[in-house]
Amino acid sequence: MQEQLLHFIWQRKLFNHTALQTTEGQPVEILHPGFANQDQGPDFLQSRIRIGDHIWAGHVEIHVSSSSWYVHTHDTDPHYNNVILHVVWEEDQPVISLEGVRIPCIELHSRVEKDLLLRYNHLMENSGWIPCEDELVNVPDIIKTSWLDRLMSERLEYKTGYIRQVLERCGNDYEQAFFVMLARHMGAPANSDAMENLALKIPLQILRKHGDRIDQMESILFGVAGMSGKENGTGYPLKLKREFDFLKRKYGLSVIPALQWKFLRMRPAHFPTIRIAQLAVIISQTTHFISLLTKEAGSKEWIKLFSVKPDNEYWNDHYHFKSASPPCEKRLGKETAISIVINLVIPFMFFYGKEQGLPKLTEKAISMLGELPAEKNSIISSWKKHGWSSDDAGQTQALLHLKKYYCDARRCLDCAIGLQVMK
C-alpha cells in the first residue's frame, strides 16, 4: 500500500462505508472528506466528520501505518493540533495529540476492494511505454479531449515558471528576457545553455543601437561568444574581430568560454555560428518584441519573422569560420520557426498577458496553439502508435506534458486517463 493511493481512496470515498467506526468502536459518518492540502500541515483541510453524536470540523491526516505520525514528528507540530480524524491502512499504534487526547482513527485495510488495488498495482508496475497502454483504447474520447485541453493550459503555466526566472535575471526587463529566451530556443537542443549565456551577457539595447549594421551586430555576438579569435585572420572574420575589439572596450563587454559551443554530431545548418548569424538578422528586423506580442501579429507573422537567413554573403559558403563549404542558403527552416513560436512566443504571450492583467492576450496564446500544425517527434509518433493522434500543436504540447509529467512520473491518480482506468 502507498500513501498516495490512500489519499485517492479517501478523497473519492472508494471504500465500504457500512458500519464505519473508529478503532475504539465509535460510529463514523463522513459528511465531507475535506480539501487536499498542497502545503505544510495535514493532508486534508476543512473536513466534516460525525463521530458518535458529535459533528467535528477540522483536518484529516492519512498514513499507511498510524505510527508514521510519530516518525514524521507530527506529535510536536502545532499544525496538527486540529486533526479530527486519523485515516490509516492499519493502526499499529494509538496516536496521542499534544493535549494528551487520543485522536480518533479508522482503518481501511478491510474496506477496499481487491480489484482496485490490483488495477493500481498494474499501473505502477507496468513496464510499457505508458502505464495504461493496455487500457487506453477503452477510454472515451470525450475524456481524452477534455484532459488534453486542461493539460495544454497546464503546460503553458509550467513554462511560465522558467520565463519568470529569466525575467528576474534580466532585471524584470521583458524585452531582454524575450531576447534571452529567443537565443535559447534558437540553440536547441545542444547549444541552448550556451546561447542563453551569450544573450545574458549582451544588453539588447546595445545590439539595437547597431541595428542598421549587421556586421557590427555579428561582431558583438561572435565576439562575446568567444568565436572571434586569432585563427580568424583574413576577410570577413578579421573585420568582425577588429570591430569587436573596439566595441568590447566601448561597452565593457565580456567574453564567455568558447569551449561551451557544440558542433559535433549535428547537422551543419544547426551550427551555433549559423544560428547566431540568423539571430542578428531577427533583431535587426524588430524594434520591440513585446509590442509584437500585444498587437495583432499572429502565428504567420511570427513564422515569417523567424524564417531568416544570414545577411552577409560570407555565410553563403561558410558554416563556421574555419573553412569554406559548397554554396548553400542558410535560411532558418519553417519547422524550426514554428517550434520557436510554439515554445517561446506563445508561452511568453501567455505569461505577459497574465502578468499585465490582459486576459485577451492569454486567450490569444491558447488559440494560436490551435492554429499551428501538430508537432512531429518520437513521442508524438509513439502516442499515435498507441491510438492517440493529434490535430494541432495544442494537442501535441499537451501530450508531451502528459508523457513527461504524468506517465513517466507514474502520476496515474492525478491523471484523468488513470482515474478512468482505476474506475
Protein backbone atom coordinates (compact mmCIF):
# COMPACT_ATOMS: atom_id res chain seq x y z
CA MET A 1 0.00 0.00 0.00
CA GLN A 2 1.22 3.50 -0.87
CA GLU A 3 0.13 6.70 0.82
CA GLN A 4 -0.84 8.40 -2.45
CA LEU A 5 -3.32 5.58 -3.11
CA LEU A 6 -4.78 6.05 0.36
CA HIS A 7 -5.23 9.76 -0.41
CA PHE A 8 -7.07 8.81 -3.59
CA ILE A 9 -9.28 6.27 -1.81
CA TRP A 10 -10.18 8.74 0.94
CA GLN A 11 -10.83 11.72 -1.32
CA ARG A 12 -13.14 9.73 -3.61
CA LYS A 13 -14.66 7.63 -0.81
CA LEU A 14 -13.68 4.38 -2.57
CA PHE A 15 -14.18 2.14 0.46
CA ASN A 16 -17.01 0.38 2.24
CA HIS A 17 -18.84 2.83 4.49
CA THR A 18 -21.14 0.24 6.04
CA ALA A 19 -20.95 0.30 9.85
CA LEU A 20 -17.87 2.51 9.64
CA GLN A 21 -16.37 3.09 13.05
CA THR A 22 -13.19 4.15 14.79
CA THR A 23 -10.75 1.61 16.13
CA GLU A 24 -12.32 2.31 19.53
CA GLY A 25 -15.80 1.38 18.28
CA GLN A 26 -17.41 4.81 17.77
CA PRO A 27 -19.65 5.15 14.67
CA VAL A 28 -18.28 7.41 11.94
CA GLU A 29 -20.04 9.27 9.12
CA ILE A 30 -18.07 11.25 6.52
CA LEU A 31 -20.00 14.43 5.77
CA HIS A 32 -17.17 15.96 3.73
CA PRO A 33 -13.69 14.41 3.24
CA GLY A 34 -12.06 17.85 3.08
CA PHE A 35 -9.84 19.52 0.51
CA ALA A 36 -6.42 18.14 -0.42
CA ASN A 37 -3.66 20.26 1.13
CA GLN A 38 -0.66 21.01 -1.10
CA ASP A 39 1.24 22.91 1.61
CA GLN A 40 2.60 22.17 5.07
CA GLY A 41 0.21 20.56 7.51
CA PRO A 42 -2.44 17.82 7.48
CA ASP A 43 -3.37 16.05 4.24
CA PHE A 44 -7.00 17.24 4.06
CA LEU A 45 -8.38 20.52 5.36
CA GLN A 46 -11.89 21.68 6.29
CA SER A 47 -13.25 18.17 6.70
CA ARG A 48 -16.59 17.49 8.42
CA ILE A 49 -16.90 14.18 10.23
CA ARG A 50 -19.63 12.82 12.53
CA ILE A 51 -18.08 10.74 15.29
CA GLY A 52 -20.59 9.30 17.69
CA ASP A 53 -23.18 12.00 18.42
CA HIS A 54 -20.93 14.95 17.55
CA ILE A 55 -20.07 16.65 14.26
CA TRP A 56 -16.45 17.73 14.07
CA ALA A 57 -14.93 20.27 11.70
CA GLY A 58 -11.18 20.18 11.19
CA HIS A 59 -8.41 18.32 9.41
CA VAL A 60 -7.73 14.72 8.39
CA GLU A 61 -4.29 13.12 8.33
CA ILE A 62 -3.56 9.96 6.31
CA HIS A 63 -0.84 7.34 6.81
CA VAL A 64 -0.27 3.75 5.80
CA SER A 65 0.65 2.91 9.41
CA SER A 66 -0.53 5.02 12.34
CA SER A 67 2.98 5.01 13.82
CA SER A 68 4.08 7.26 10.93
CA TRP A 69 2.50 10.07 12.94
CA TYR A 70 5.49 9.89 15.25
CA VAL A 71 8.00 9.06 12.52
CA HIS A 72 7.01 12.34 10.79
CA THR A 73 7.12 14.19 14.19
CA HIS A 74 3.51 15.35 13.90
CA ASP A 75 3.29 14.91 17.68
CA THR A 76 5.40 18.06 18.16
CA ASP A 77 3.99 20.10 15.26
CA PRO A 78 1.21 22.59 16.16
CA HIS A 79 -0.07 22.44 12.55
CA TYR A 80 -1.65 19.09 13.52
CA ASN A 81 -3.48 20.30 16.63
CA ASN A 82 -6.80 20.44 14.78
CA VAL A 83 -6.71 16.92 13.30
CA ILE A 84 -10.13 15.37 13.98
CA LEU A 85 -9.53 12.00 12.32
CA HIS A 86 -6.54 9.79 11.54
CA VAL A 87 -7.16 7.63 8.44
CA VAL A 88 -4.79 4.67 8.13
CA TRP A 89 -4.43 1.41 6.31
CA GLU A 90 -3.59 -0.21 9.61
CA GLU A 91 -3.36 1.10 13.15
CA ASP A 92 -0.21 -0.31 14.71
CA GLN A 93 -0.03 2.30 17.46
CA PRO A 94 -2.55 4.71 19.06
CA VAL A 95 -1.83 8.39 18.40
CA ILE A 96 -1.98 10.97 21.16
CA SER A 97 -2.35 14.70 20.46
CA LEU A 98 -0.30 17.49 22.03
CA GLU A 99 -3.16 17.97 24.51
CA GLY A 100 -2.85 14.32 25.56
CA VAL A 101 -6.08 13.18 23.84
CA ARG A 102 -6.23 10.07 21.67
CA ILE A 103 -7.04 11.06 18.07
CA PRO A 104 -9.93 9.04 16.56
CA CYS A 105 -8.70 6.60 13.92
CA ILE A 106 -10.30 4.47 11.20
CA GLU A 107 -8.64 1.55 9.38
CA LEU A 108 -9.29 0.91 5.68
CA HIS A 109 -7.39 -2.34 5.01
CA SER A 110 -10.55 -4.46 5.16
CA ARG A 111 -12.81 -1.94 3.40
CA VAL A 112 -11.17 -1.55 -0.03
CA GLU A 113 -11.98 -3.82 -3.00
CA LYS A 114 -9.12 -6.02 -4.11
CA ASP A 115 -9.80 -5.21 -7.77
CA LEU A 116 -9.00 -1.55 -7.09
CA LEU A 117 -5.66 -2.50 -5.57
CA LEU A 118 -4.88 -4.84 -8.48
CA ARG A 119 -5.62 -2.13 -11.05
CA TYR A 120 -3.40 0.32 -9.20
CA ASN A 121 -0.55 -2.17 -8.88
CA HIS A 122 -0.81 -2.94 -12.58
CA LEU A 123 -0.39 0.74 -13.44
CA MET A 124 2.54 1.18 -11.08
CA GLU A 125 4.35 -1.99 -12.19
CA ASN A 126 3.61 -1.94 -15.93
CA SER A 127 6.89 -1.61 -17.84
CA GLY A 128 5.25 -0.46 -21.07
CA TRP A 129 5.74 2.90 -22.78
CA ILE A 130 2.92 4.31 -20.65
CA PRO A 131 1.36 2.61 -17.59
CA CYS A 132 -2.14 2.40 -19.09
CA GLU A 133 -1.21 1.34 -22.62
CA ASP A 134 -3.35 -1.82 -22.42
CA GLU A 135 -6.46 0.12 -21.37
CA LEU A 136 -6.00 3.40 -23.27
CA VAL A 137 -8.11 2.26 -26.22
CA ASN A 138 -11.11 1.82 -23.88
CA VAL A 139 -11.01 5.39 -22.54
CA PRO A 140 -13.83 7.51 -24.06
CA ASP A 141 -12.71 10.22 -26.48
CA ILE A 142 -14.54 12.92 -24.55
CA ILE A 143 -12.35 12.23 -21.51
CA LYS A 144 -9.19 12.32 -23.61
CA THR A 145 -10.17 15.59 -25.30
CA SER A 146 -11.16 17.40 -22.12
CA TRP A 147 -7.99 16.19 -20.39
CA LEU A 148 -5.81 17.47 -23.24
CA ASP A 149 -7.49 20.88 -23.03
CA ARG A 150 -6.61 21.08 -19.35
CA LEU A 151 -3.05 19.85 -19.91
CA MET A 152 -2.48 22.41 -22.67
CA SER A 153 -3.15 25.22 -20.19
CA GLU A 154 -1.11 23.43 -17.53
CA ARG A 155 1.86 23.20 -19.88
CA LEU A 156 1.70 26.93 -20.59
CA GLU A 157 1.57 27.59 -16.84
CA TYR A 158 4.56 25.30 -16.34
CA LYS A 159 6.61 27.08 -18.99
CA THR A 160 5.94 30.46 -17.40
CA GLY A 161 8.00 29.31 -14.41
CA TYR A 162 11.23 29.35 -16.41
CA ILE A 163 10.29 32.59 -18.15
CA ARG A 164 9.84 34.21 -14.73
CA GLN A 165 13.32 33.03 -13.69
CA VAL A 166 14.87 34.53 -16.83
CA LEU A 167 12.92 37.77 -16.33
CA GLU A 168 14.34 38.11 -12.81
CA ARG A 169 17.87 37.52 -14.14
CA CYS A 170 17.21 40.29 -16.67
CA GLY A 171 16.21 42.81 -14.02
CA ASN A 172 12.50 42.49 -14.95
CA ASP A 173 13.23 43.77 -18.46
CA TYR A 174 10.68 41.91 -20.61
CA GLU A 175 12.43 42.84 -23.85
CA GLN A 176 15.78 41.48 -22.68
CA ALA A 177 14.11 38.37 -21.29
CA PHE A 178 12.44 37.68 -24.65
CA PHE A 179 15.82 38.08 -26.37
CA VAL A 180 17.44 35.64 -23.96
CA MET A 181 14.66 33.08 -24.44
CA LEU A 182 14.81 33.54 -28.21
CA ALA A 183 18.54 32.86 -28.21
CA ARG A 184 18.00 29.79 -26.04
CA HIS A 185 15.40 28.28 -28.37
CA MET A 186 17.47 29.00 -31.44
CA GLY A 187 20.30 27.00 -29.88
CA ALA A 188 18.11 23.99 -29.10
CA PRO A 189 18.86 21.34 -28.27
CA ALA A 190 22.65 21.08 -28.00
CA ASN A 191 23.52 24.77 -27.60
CA SER A 192 20.53 26.06 -25.60
CA ASP A 193 22.53 26.87 -22.48
CA ALA A 194 25.39 28.45 -24.41
CA MET A 195 23.02 30.66 -26.43
CA GLU A 196 21.23 31.71 -23.26
CA ASN A 197 24.53 32.60 -21.59
CA LEU A 198 25.52 34.61 -24.68
CA ALA A 199 22.30 36.64 -24.64
CA LEU A 200 22.56 37.26 -20.90
CA LYS A 201 25.97 38.85 -21.49
CA ILE A 202 24.77 41.32 -24.13
CA PRO A 203 22.25 44.09 -23.39
CA LEU A 204 19.73 44.00 -26.24
CA GLN A 205 19.70 47.79 -26.38
CA ILE A 206 23.37 47.73 -27.42
CA LEU A 207 22.65 45.40 -30.31
CA ARG A 208 19.74 47.56 -31.41
CA LYS A 209 21.98 50.62 -31.49
CA HIS A 210 23.74 48.86 -34.35
CA GLY A 211 20.57 47.51 -35.97
CA ASP A 212 21.45 49.06 -39.33
CA ARG A 213 24.88 47.36 -39.36
CA ILE A 214 24.61 43.58 -39.36
CA ASP A 215 28.39 43.28 -39.42
CA GLN A 216 28.67 45.20 -36.14
CA MET A 217 25.86 43.17 -34.56
CA GLU A 218 27.60 39.96 -35.62
CA SER A 219 30.92 41.26 -34.30
CA ILE A 220 29.35 41.75 -30.87
CA LEU A 221 27.57 38.40 -30.87
CA PHE A 222 30.50 36.34 -32.16
CA GLY A 223 32.97 38.30 -30.06
CA VAL A 224 31.12 37.75 -26.78
CA ALA A 225 30.61 34.12 -27.85
CA GLY A 226 34.39 33.69 -27.85
CA MET A 227 34.43 32.88 -31.56
CA SER A 228 36.41 35.93 -32.65
CA GLY A 229 39.97 34.65 -32.20
CA LYS A 230 43.39 34.79 -33.82
CA GLU A 231 42.56 31.98 -36.23
CA ASN A 232 40.06 34.29 -37.94
CA GLY A 233 42.83 36.27 -39.63
CA THR A 234 41.52 37.31 -43.06
CA GLY A 235 38.47 38.71 -44.84
CA TYR A 236 35.15 38.98 -43.07
CA PRO A 237 36.28 37.20 -39.87
CA LEU A 238 39.14 39.69 -39.49
CA LYS A 239 36.70 42.56 -39.96
CA LEU A 240 34.45 41.14 -37.23
CA LYS A 241 37.42 40.77 -34.87
CA ARG A 242 38.55 44.37 -35.39
CA GLU A 243 35.01 45.66 -34.90
CA PHE A 244 34.67 43.67 -31.70
CA ASP A 245 37.99 44.83 -30.28
CA PHE A 246 36.66 48.39 -30.48
CA LEU A 247 33.07 47.67 -29.36
CA LYS A 248 34.26 45.49 -26.49
CA ARG A 249 36.15 48.42 -25.00
CA LYS A 250 33.35 50.87 -25.76
CA TYR A 251 30.63 48.87 -24.00
CA GLY A 252 32.69 46.95 -21.46
CA LEU A 253 31.65 43.58 -22.89
CA SER A 254 32.95 40.30 -21.51
CA VAL A 255 33.58 37.06 -23.39
CA ILE A 256 32.15 33.65 -22.49
CA PRO A 257 34.30 30.49 -22.82
CA ALA A 258 34.30 29.21 -26.41
CA LEU A 259 34.55 25.59 -25.21
CA GLN A 260 30.85 25.50 -24.32
CA TRP A 261 29.81 25.58 -28.00
CA LYS A 262 28.95 22.21 -29.55
CA PHE A 263 29.43 21.39 -33.24
CA LEU A 264 29.85 17.61 -33.21
CA ARG A 265 27.11 15.19 -34.24
CA MET A 266 24.73 17.83 -35.58
CA ARG A 267 23.66 19.00 -38.99
CA PRO A 268 25.73 21.97 -40.22
CA ALA A 269 22.56 24.03 -40.64
CA HIS A 270 22.18 23.84 -36.84
CA PHE A 271 25.73 25.00 -36.07
CA PRO A 272 25.77 27.78 -33.46
CA THR A 273 27.61 30.06 -35.91
CA ILE A 274 24.65 29.92 -38.30
CA ARG A 275 22.12 30.36 -35.50
CA ILE A 276 23.98 33.43 -34.21
CA ALA A 277 24.06 34.97 -37.70
CA GLN A 278 20.32 34.31 -38.05
CA LEU A 279 19.67 35.80 -34.62
CA ALA A 280 21.38 39.02 -35.68
CA VAL A 281 19.00 39.34 -38.64
CA ILE A 282 15.91 38.75 -36.48
CA ILE A 283 16.99 41.50 -34.09
CA SER A 284 17.70 43.87 -36.96
CA GLN A 285 14.14 43.36 -38.25
CA THR A 286 12.41 44.27 -34.99
CA THR A 287 12.36 47.34 -32.81
CA HIS A 288 10.32 45.90 -29.95
CA PHE A 289 9.44 42.26 -29.36
CA ILE A 290 6.80 42.95 -26.70
CA SER A 291 4.84 45.29 -28.95
CA LEU A 292 4.55 42.42 -31.44
CA LEU A 293 3.14 40.23 -28.68
CA THR A 294 0.42 42.71 -27.79
CA LYS A 295 -0.54 43.73 -31.33
CA GLU A 296 -2.43 41.76 -33.96
CA ALA A 297 0.59 39.71 -35.09
CA GLY A 298 -0.49 36.10 -35.44
CA SER A 299 1.39 32.87 -35.92
CA LYS A 300 2.03 33.54 -39.63
CA GLU A 301 3.69 36.89 -38.89
CA TRP A 302 5.91 35.34 -36.24
CA ILE A 303 6.91 32.44 -38.51
CA LYS A 304 7.81 34.94 -41.21
CA LEU A 305 9.91 36.94 -38.73
CA PHE A 306 11.94 33.87 -37.76
CA SER A 307 12.33 32.47 -41.28
CA VAL A 308 15.55 34.40 -41.94
CA LYS A 309 18.91 33.73 -43.50
CA PRO A 310 22.27 35.34 -42.54
CA ASP A 311 22.62 38.77 -44.07
CA ASN A 312 26.30 38.77 -45.04
CA GLU A 313 27.27 36.88 -48.19
CA TYR A 314 30.16 35.30 -46.24
CA TRP A 315 27.66 32.78 -44.88
CA ASN A 316 26.62 31.66 -48.35
CA ASP A 317 29.64 29.34 -48.47
CA HIS A 318 30.53 29.02 -44.78
CA TYR A 319 29.05 27.15 -41.82
CA HIS A 320 31.81 28.31 -39.46
CA PHE A 321 34.97 30.42 -39.52
CA LYS A 322 37.48 27.67 -40.14
CA SER A 323 36.86 26.70 -43.77
CA ALA A 324 34.58 27.28 -46.74
CA SER A 325 31.81 24.95 -47.84
CA PRO A 326 29.78 24.49 -51.05
CA PRO A 327 27.38 27.42 -51.57
CA CYS A 328 24.07 26.88 -49.79
CA GLU A 329 21.32 29.13 -48.44
CA LYS A 330 21.30 29.05 -44.62
CA ARG A 331 17.67 30.01 -44.04
CA LEU A 332 16.11 29.01 -40.72
CA GLY A 333 13.62 26.29 -41.64
CA LYS A 334 9.87 26.62 -41.31
CA GLU A 335 9.63 23.75 -38.82
CA THR A 336 12.22 25.42 -36.60
CA ALA A 337 10.39 28.74 -36.89
CA ILE A 338 7.12 27.06 -35.91
CA SER A 339 8.88 25.37 -32.99
CA ILE A 340 10.09 28.77 -31.72
CA VAL A 341 6.54 30.13 -31.95
CA ILE A 342 5.19 27.14 -30.01
CA ASN A 343 7.89 27.03 -27.35
CA LEU A 344 8.71 30.73 -26.94
CA VAL A 345 6.25 33.19 -28.45
CA ILE A 346 3.06 31.56 -27.21
CA PRO A 347 4.28 30.81 -23.64
CA PHE A 348 5.76 34.32 -23.40
CA MET A 349 2.50 35.84 -24.67
CA PHE A 350 0.56 33.76 -22.12
CA PHE A 351 2.94 34.82 -19.34
CA TYR A 352 2.89 38.51 -20.28
CA GLY A 353 -0.89 38.51 -20.51
CA LYS A 354 -1.19 37.07 -17.00
CA GLU A 355 1.42 39.39 -15.51
CA GLN A 356 -0.10 42.52 -17.07
CA GLY A 357 -3.74 41.58 -16.47
CA LEU A 358 -4.54 41.14 -20.18
CA PRO A 359 -6.90 38.14 -20.39
CA LYS A 360 -7.43 38.58 -24.15
CA LEU A 361 -3.71 38.06 -24.64
CA THR A 362 -3.71 34.79 -22.70
CA GLU A 363 -6.72 33.65 -24.72
CA LYS A 364 -4.90 34.58 -27.92
CA ALA A 365 -1.90 32.50 -26.87
CA ILE A 366 -4.09 29.44 -26.33
CA SER A 367 -5.93 29.95 -29.62
CA MET A 368 -2.63 30.28 -31.52
CA LEU A 369 -1.67 26.76 -30.44
CA GLY A 370 -4.79 25.52 -32.17
CA GLU A 371 -3.79 27.32 -35.37
CA LEU A 372 -0.42 25.59 -35.68
CA PRO A 373 0.13 22.09 -37.09
CA ALA A 374 0.75 19.11 -34.87
CA GLU A 375 4.41 18.67 -33.98
CA LYS A 376 6.42 15.74 -35.30
CA ASN A 377 8.76 13.92 -32.94
CA SER A 378 9.32 10.46 -31.50
CA ILE A 379 7.00 10.97 -28.54
CA ILE A 380 4.09 12.14 -30.68
CA SER A 381 4.72 9.22 -33.04
CA SER A 382 4.56 6.81 -30.10
CA TRP A 383 1.27 8.32 -28.93
CA LYS A 384 -0.08 7.76 -32.45
CA LYS A 385 1.03 4.11 -32.36
CA HIS A 386 -0.97 3.77 -29.15
CA GLY A 387 -4.08 5.12 -30.86
CA TRP A 388 -3.93 8.77 -29.83
CA SER A 389 -3.49 11.12 -32.78
CA SER A 390 -3.12 14.91 -32.64
CA ASP A 391 -4.89 17.58 -34.67
CA ASP A 392 -2.81 20.64 -33.77
CA ALA A 393 0.13 21.96 -31.73
CA GLY A 394 -2.05 22.48 -28.68
CA GLN A 395 -2.75 18.77 -28.50
CA THR A 396 0.85 17.75 -29.14
CA GLN A 397 2.05 20.11 -26.42
CA ALA A 398 -0.48 18.55 -24.06
CA LEU A 399 0.65 15.02 -24.99
CA LEU A 400 4.30 15.90 -24.42
CA HIS A 401 3.37 17.27 -21.00
CA LEU A 402 1.26 14.18 -20.22
CA LYS A 403 4.09 11.78 -21.05
CA LYS A 404 6.80 13.58 -19.09
CA TYR A 405 4.97 14.81 -16.02
CA TYR A 406 2.29 12.15 -15.56
CA CYS A 407 3.11 8.88 -17.35
CA ASP A 408 6.85 8.81 -16.70
CA ALA A 409 6.31 10.02 -13.13
CA ARG A 410 3.58 7.39 -12.56
CA ARG A 411 1.10 10.11 -11.50
CA CYS A 412 -1.81 7.98 -12.65
CA LEU A 413 -4.01 9.06 -9.75
CA ASP A 414 -3.63 12.70 -10.81
CA CYS A 415 -4.48 11.90 -14.43
CA ALA A 416 -7.99 11.78 -15.92
CA ILE A 417 -6.96 8.78 -18.01
CA GLY A 418 -5.54 6.96 -14.99
CA LEU A 419 -8.67 7.69 -12.98
CA GLN A 420 -10.83 6.24 -15.75
CA VAL A 421 -8.70 3.10 -15.77
CA MET A 422 -8.94 2.85 -11.98
CA LYS A 423 -12.73 3.05 -12.19
